N, C-alpha and C. Protein backbone atom coordinates (compact mmCIF):
# COMPACT_ATOMS: atom_id res chain seq x y z
N MET A 1 -13.69 14.44 4.31
CA MET A 1 -12.53 13.52 4.02
C MET A 1 -11.66 12.84 4.80
N ARG A 2 -11.29 11.66 4.17
CA ARG A 2 -10.11 10.94 5.35
C ARG A 2 -9.08 10.60 3.78
N VAL A 3 -7.85 11.13 4.55
CA VAL A 3 -7.26 10.58 3.10
C VAL A 3 -5.71 9.78 3.92
N GLY A 4 -5.96 8.97 3.20
CA GLY A 4 -5.09 7.61 4.01
C GLY A 4 -3.75 7.59 2.95
N LEU A 5 -2.48 7.70 3.94
CA LEU A 5 -1.37 7.67 3.41
C LEU A 5 -0.62 6.89 3.65
N ILE A 6 -0.35 5.86 2.24
CA ILE A 6 0.48 4.72 2.81
C ILE A 6 2.33 5.25 2.70
N GLY A 7 3.02 5.30 3.57
CA GLY A 7 4.30 5.76 3.31
C GLY A 7 4.43 6.83 4.50
N ALA A 8 3.95 6.23 5.73
CA ALA A 8 3.07 7.98 6.61
C ALA A 8 4.28 8.80 7.02
N THR A 9 5.54 7.35 6.99
CA THR A 9 6.68 7.90 7.95
C THR A 9 7.81 8.34 6.89
N GLY A 10 7.63 7.89 5.57
CA GLY A 10 9.13 7.87 4.99
C GLY A 10 9.59 9.58 4.99
N TRP A 11 10.68 10.01 4.40
CA TRP A 11 11.20 11.17 4.10
C TRP A 11 9.34 12.34 4.04
N LEU A 12 9.33 11.31 1.86
CA LEU A 12 7.95 12.61 1.54
C LEU A 12 6.44 12.48 2.54
N GLY A 13 6.25 10.98 2.84
CA GLY A 13 4.82 10.99 2.99
C GLY A 13 5.05 11.54 4.87
N SER A 14 6.17 11.67 5.70
CA SER A 14 6.19 12.16 6.76
C SER A 14 6.07 13.58 6.49
N ALA A 15 6.71 14.08 5.35
CA ALA A 15 6.74 15.60 5.81
C ALA A 15 5.28 16.08 5.42
N LEU A 16 5.02 14.69 3.90
CA LEU A 16 3.51 15.49 3.11
C LEU A 16 1.92 15.36 4.50
N GLY A 17 2.20 14.52 5.50
CA GLY A 17 1.25 14.60 7.03
C GLY A 17 1.52 15.27 7.80
N ALA A 18 2.86 15.73 8.01
CA ALA A 18 3.04 17.15 9.01
C ALA A 18 2.40 17.89 8.46
N GLY A 19 2.60 18.13 7.22
CA GLY A 19 2.07 20.02 6.75
C GLY A 19 0.58 19.57 6.70
N LEU A 20 0.01 18.57 6.29
CA LEU A 20 -1.74 18.51 6.53
C LEU A 20 -2.41 18.91 7.61
N LEU A 21 -1.50 18.21 8.05
CA LEU A 21 -1.60 18.71 10.28
C LEU A 21 -1.56 20.07 10.18
N ALA A 22 -0.04 20.31 10.22
CA ALA A 22 0.50 21.67 10.61
C ALA A 22 -0.80 22.66 10.43
N ARG A 23 -1.33 22.73 9.05
CA ARG A 23 -1.95 23.61 7.83
C ARG A 23 -3.30 23.43 8.57
N GLY A 24 -3.90 22.75 9.06
CA GLY A 24 -5.25 22.55 9.55
C GLY A 24 -5.89 21.76 8.31
N ILE A 25 -5.29 21.14 7.31
CA ILE A 25 -6.28 21.18 6.48
C ILE A 25 -6.77 20.25 6.55
N LEU A 26 -6.50 19.29 7.33
CA LEU A 26 -6.70 17.93 8.44
C LEU A 26 -6.88 17.80 9.52
N ALA A 27 -7.71 17.53 10.17
CA ALA A 27 -7.95 16.73 11.43
C ALA A 27 -7.35 15.82 11.57
N PRO A 28 -6.47 15.62 12.47
CA PRO A 28 -5.75 14.26 13.11
C PRO A 28 -7.33 12.90 13.21
N GLY A 29 -7.95 13.08 13.28
CA GLY A 29 -8.77 12.07 12.71
C GLY A 29 -9.80 11.72 11.33
N GLU A 30 -8.99 12.66 10.60
CA GLU A 30 -9.02 12.40 9.03
C GLU A 30 -8.36 11.75 8.81
N LEU A 31 -7.02 11.39 8.85
CA LEU A 31 -5.69 10.77 8.54
C LEU A 31 -5.83 9.23 8.93
N VAL A 32 -5.50 8.74 8.15
CA VAL A 32 -5.58 7.59 8.23
C VAL A 32 -4.13 6.66 7.42
N LEU A 33 -3.29 6.41 8.22
CA LEU A 33 -1.80 6.60 8.03
C LEU A 33 -1.50 4.84 8.02
N LEU A 34 -0.67 4.58 6.81
CA LEU A 34 0.24 3.32 7.01
C LEU A 34 1.61 3.15 6.42
N ASN A 35 2.31 2.43 7.04
CA ASN A 35 4.22 2.24 6.73
C ASN A 35 4.56 1.60 6.84
N ARG A 36 5.15 0.75 7.14
CA ARG A 36 6.46 -1.13 7.10
C ARG A 36 6.84 -0.86 8.27
N SER A 37 6.95 0.29 9.17
CA SER A 37 7.12 -0.48 10.65
C SER A 37 5.88 -0.05 11.45
N ALA A 38 6.69 -0.58 12.78
CA ALA A 38 4.82 -0.33 13.40
C ALA A 38 4.49 1.52 13.68
N PRO A 39 2.89 1.48 14.00
CA PRO A 39 2.21 2.78 14.07
C PRO A 39 3.18 3.28 15.19
N GLN A 40 2.95 4.69 14.70
CA GLN A 40 3.84 6.00 16.58
C GLN A 40 2.61 5.57 17.50
N THR A 41 3.42 6.37 18.62
CA THR A 41 1.76 7.01 19.39
C THR A 41 1.72 8.41 19.44
N ASN A 42 2.99 8.71 18.66
CA ASN A 42 2.91 10.63 18.36
C ASN A 42 3.42 10.58 17.02
N TYR A 43 2.63 11.38 16.01
CA TYR A 43 2.25 11.52 14.37
C TYR A 43 2.69 13.44 14.44
N HIS A 44 3.42 13.24 15.02
CA HIS A 44 4.26 15.09 14.30
C HIS A 44 2.97 16.03 15.16
N GLY A 45 3.04 15.14 16.86
CA GLY A 45 2.13 15.84 18.10
C GLY A 45 0.76 15.53 17.99
N HIS A 46 0.40 14.68 17.26
CA HIS A 46 -0.85 14.05 17.14
C HIS A 46 -1.04 12.24 17.55
N ALA A 47 -1.42 12.46 18.35
CA ALA A 47 -1.73 11.06 18.75
C ALA A 47 -3.08 10.14 18.53
N ASN A 48 -4.13 10.91 18.12
CA ASN A 48 -5.26 10.57 17.34
C ASN A 48 -5.72 9.97 15.69
N VAL A 49 -4.54 10.00 15.24
CA VAL A 49 -4.13 9.76 14.15
C VAL A 49 -4.81 7.78 13.91
N THR A 50 -5.63 7.40 12.92
CA THR A 50 -6.07 6.72 12.25
C THR A 50 -5.01 5.51 12.11
N TRP A 51 -4.01 4.58 12.28
CA TRP A 51 -3.61 3.35 11.80
C TRP A 51 -3.96 2.46 11.50
N ALA A 52 -3.46 2.09 9.86
CA ALA A 52 -3.82 1.29 9.45
C ALA A 52 -3.46 -0.28 9.51
N ARG A 53 -3.11 -1.51 9.72
CA ARG A 53 -2.43 -2.76 9.66
C ARG A 53 -2.52 -2.71 7.89
N ASN A 54 -3.33 -2.78 7.09
CA ASN A 54 -2.52 -3.15 5.81
C ASN A 54 -2.99 -2.12 4.58
N ALA A 55 -2.85 -2.60 3.19
CA ALA A 55 -3.94 -1.42 2.21
C ALA A 55 -5.13 -1.84 2.31
N ALA A 56 -5.57 -2.72 2.22
CA ALA A 56 -7.21 -3.12 2.14
C ALA A 56 -7.48 -2.40 3.60
N GLU A 57 -7.50 -2.03 4.81
CA GLU A 57 -7.94 -1.50 6.54
C GLU A 57 -7.68 -0.01 5.70
N LEU A 58 -6.58 0.40 5.30
CA LEU A 58 -6.44 2.39 4.90
C LEU A 58 -7.32 1.83 3.70
N ALA A 59 -7.86 1.60 2.09
CA ALA A 59 -8.24 1.78 1.35
C ALA A 59 -9.62 1.64 1.89
N ALA A 60 -10.91 0.91 2.61
CA ALA A 60 -11.68 0.87 3.15
C ALA A 60 -11.70 2.15 4.18
N GLN A 61 -11.13 3.00 4.76
CA GLN A 61 -11.56 3.77 6.32
C GLN A 61 -10.82 5.03 4.87
N SER A 62 -10.38 5.49 3.71
CA SER A 62 -9.90 6.09 3.06
C SER A 62 -10.80 6.85 2.05
N ASP A 63 -11.40 8.33 1.03
CA ASP A 63 -11.28 8.63 0.56
C ASP A 63 -10.01 9.04 -0.36
N VAL A 64 -9.64 9.35 -0.46
CA VAL A 64 -8.12 9.75 -1.25
C VAL A 64 -6.88 8.71 -0.37
N ILE A 65 -6.34 8.65 -1.66
CA ILE A 65 -5.18 7.48 -0.53
C ILE A 65 -3.63 8.29 -1.51
N VAL A 66 -2.76 8.38 -0.59
CA VAL A 66 -2.05 8.94 -1.56
C VAL A 66 -0.46 7.87 -0.88
N VAL A 67 0.20 7.65 -2.20
CA VAL A 67 1.01 6.16 -2.26
C VAL A 67 1.83 6.67 -2.13
N SER A 68 3.20 6.89 -1.36
CA SER A 68 4.24 7.29 -0.87
C SER A 68 5.51 6.49 -0.27
N VAL A 69 5.67 5.31 -1.63
CA VAL A 69 6.64 4.40 -0.99
C VAL A 69 7.33 3.73 -2.21
N ARG A 70 8.45 3.78 -2.47
CA ARG A 70 9.95 2.85 -2.87
C ARG A 70 8.74 2.38 -3.73
N PRO A 71 9.60 2.40 -5.41
CA PRO A 71 8.63 1.71 -6.46
C PRO A 71 8.71 0.27 -6.01
N GLU A 72 9.90 -0.60 -5.42
CA GLU A 72 10.09 -1.81 -5.36
C GLU A 72 9.28 -1.89 -4.23
N ASP A 73 7.99 -1.38 -3.63
CA ASP A 73 7.46 -1.84 -2.20
C ASP A 73 6.05 -2.00 -3.33
N TRP A 74 5.67 -0.97 -4.30
CA TRP A 74 4.15 -1.56 -4.48
C TRP A 74 3.61 -2.48 -5.12
N PRO A 75 4.35 -3.36 -5.70
CA PRO A 75 3.51 -4.45 -5.99
C PRO A 75 3.44 -5.50 -4.46
N GLY A 76 4.16 -5.36 -3.51
CA GLY A 76 3.79 -5.48 -2.06
C GLY A 76 2.83 -5.37 -1.47
N LEU A 77 2.06 -4.28 -2.03
CA LEU A 77 1.34 -3.76 -1.41
C LEU A 77 -0.04 -4.10 -1.74
N ASP A 78 -0.22 -4.80 -2.87
CA ASP A 78 -2.04 -5.92 -3.64
C ASP A 78 -2.77 -4.07 -3.12
N LEU A 79 -2.75 -3.64 -3.35
CA LEU A 79 -3.56 -2.21 -2.85
C LEU A 79 -4.79 -1.94 -3.83
N ARG A 80 -6.03 -2.52 -3.14
CA ARG A 80 -7.64 -2.31 -4.01
C ARG A 80 -8.45 -1.14 -3.98
N ALA A 81 -8.20 -0.12 -4.63
CA ALA A 81 -8.99 1.00 -4.32
C ALA A 81 -9.88 1.77 -5.51
N ALA A 82 -10.85 0.53 -5.43
CA ALA A 82 -12.14 1.10 -6.54
C ALA A 82 -13.11 2.13 -5.31
N GLY A 83 -13.04 2.72 -6.91
CA GLY A 83 -13.55 4.56 -6.50
C GLY A 83 -12.88 5.49 -5.60
N ARG A 84 -11.51 5.26 -5.16
CA ARG A 84 -11.08 6.23 -4.46
C ARG A 84 -10.27 7.04 -5.55
N LEU A 85 -10.11 8.06 -5.17
CA LEU A 85 -8.60 8.77 -5.76
C LEU A 85 -7.69 8.59 -5.31
N VAL A 86 -6.49 8.25 -6.10
CA VAL A 86 -4.89 7.53 -5.90
C VAL A 86 -3.86 8.42 -6.06
N LEU A 87 -3.74 9.17 -5.54
CA LEU A 87 -2.79 9.46 -6.09
C LEU A 87 -1.49 9.24 -5.35
N SER A 88 -0.15 9.35 -6.71
CA SER A 88 1.39 8.55 -6.39
C SER A 88 2.57 9.89 -6.47
N PHE A 89 3.44 9.65 -5.22
CA PHE A 89 4.88 10.07 -6.08
C PHE A 89 5.39 9.16 -5.79
N MET A 90 5.19 7.77 -6.75
CA MET A 90 6.31 7.22 -6.76
C MET A 90 6.84 7.55 -8.01
N ALA A 91 8.42 7.31 -8.29
CA ALA A 91 8.71 7.40 -9.40
C ALA A 91 9.28 6.10 -10.00
N GLY A 92 9.15 6.20 -11.31
CA GLY A 92 9.06 4.86 -11.74
C GLY A 92 7.54 3.64 -12.01
N ILE A 93 6.99 4.08 -11.23
CA ILE A 93 5.70 3.28 -11.53
C ILE A 93 4.59 4.17 -12.29
N GLY A 94 4.32 3.99 -13.59
CA GLY A 94 3.49 5.01 -14.34
C GLY A 94 1.82 4.59 -13.66
N ALA A 95 0.52 5.45 -13.95
CA ALA A 95 -0.13 5.21 -14.53
C ALA A 95 -0.73 4.10 -14.56
N ALA A 96 -0.80 3.27 -16.09
CA ALA A 96 -0.80 2.17 -16.60
C ALA A 96 -0.73 1.30 -15.33
N THR A 97 0.29 1.09 -14.80
CA THR A 97 0.68 0.51 -13.53
C THR A 97 -0.23 0.40 -12.27
N LEU A 98 -0.03 1.56 -11.96
CA LEU A 98 -1.45 2.10 -10.74
C LEU A 98 -2.41 1.95 -10.65
N ALA A 99 -3.30 2.09 -12.44
CA ALA A 99 -4.71 1.90 -12.55
C ALA A 99 -4.94 0.49 -12.20
N CYS A 100 -4.24 -1.19 -11.75
CA CYS A 100 -4.34 -2.13 -11.55
C CYS A 100 -5.56 -2.29 -10.16
N CYS A 101 -4.75 -1.42 -9.88
CA CYS A 101 -5.47 -0.91 -7.94
C CYS A 101 -6.91 -0.71 -8.41
N GLY A 102 -7.60 -0.29 -9.29
CA GLY A 102 -9.25 -0.11 -9.19
C GLY A 102 -9.53 1.62 -8.91
N GLY A 103 -8.45 2.73 -8.57
CA GLY A 103 -9.07 3.41 -8.33
C GLY A 103 -8.72 4.37 -9.28
N ARG A 104 -9.32 5.53 -9.37
CA ARG A 104 -9.12 6.47 -10.03
C ARG A 104 -7.41 7.82 -10.27
N ILE A 105 -6.78 7.04 -10.92
CA ILE A 105 -5.53 7.83 -10.84
C ILE A 105 -4.75 9.31 -10.91
N VAL A 106 -3.85 9.61 -10.18
CA VAL A 106 -3.60 10.90 -10.16
C VAL A 106 -1.97 10.55 -10.08
N ASP A 107 -1.53 10.53 -11.29
CA ASP A 107 -0.05 10.68 -10.89
C ASP A 107 0.90 11.99 -10.99
N ARG A 108 2.38 11.73 -10.68
CA ARG A 108 3.07 12.65 -10.40
C ARG A 108 3.23 13.40 -11.54
N LYS A 109 3.28 12.99 -12.88
CA LYS A 109 3.27 13.33 -14.36
C LYS A 109 2.63 14.42 -14.74
N ASP A 110 1.41 14.07 -14.30
CA ASP A 110 -0.06 14.98 -14.63
C ASP A 110 0.44 16.27 -13.82
N PHE A 111 0.94 16.49 -12.82
CA PHE A 111 1.70 18.12 -12.61
C PHE A 111 3.01 18.05 -13.18
N GLY A 112 2.78 17.74 -13.92
CA GLY A 112 4.17 18.53 -14.83
C GLY A 112 5.88 17.72 -14.33
N ALA A 113 5.88 17.21 -13.63
CA ALA A 113 6.96 16.43 -12.81
C ALA A 113 7.64 15.36 -13.97
N GLY A 114 7.69 15.43 -15.20
CA GLY A 114 8.00 14.55 -15.49
C GLY A 114 8.47 13.09 -15.53
N ALA A 115 8.76 12.40 -16.32
CA ALA A 115 9.40 10.93 -15.87
C ALA A 115 10.76 10.92 -15.33
């Protein structure tokens, strides 16, 4: 299973990526990353993660997509995730809005986090 992480170097995305790697939940080759800045040569001690150039490339290489960006950045992603499980950590962007990406949506509210 490959996990795509949009917002991989933000505070939450970075913590999630580091935890997945440190706990051995994912091997570096199973992690596909995207951020606003340039790819890093060393992501939490791992050089062999995959960096996507855009959301389309990330979606094509991922089975599960985690969106961890600022809500104002969501519209510009133009994420098309048909058939993918999409997990969102964005505040203020509800499942109805996320559904436009075509994926199967899991919103933070599904975990009792409330709005």
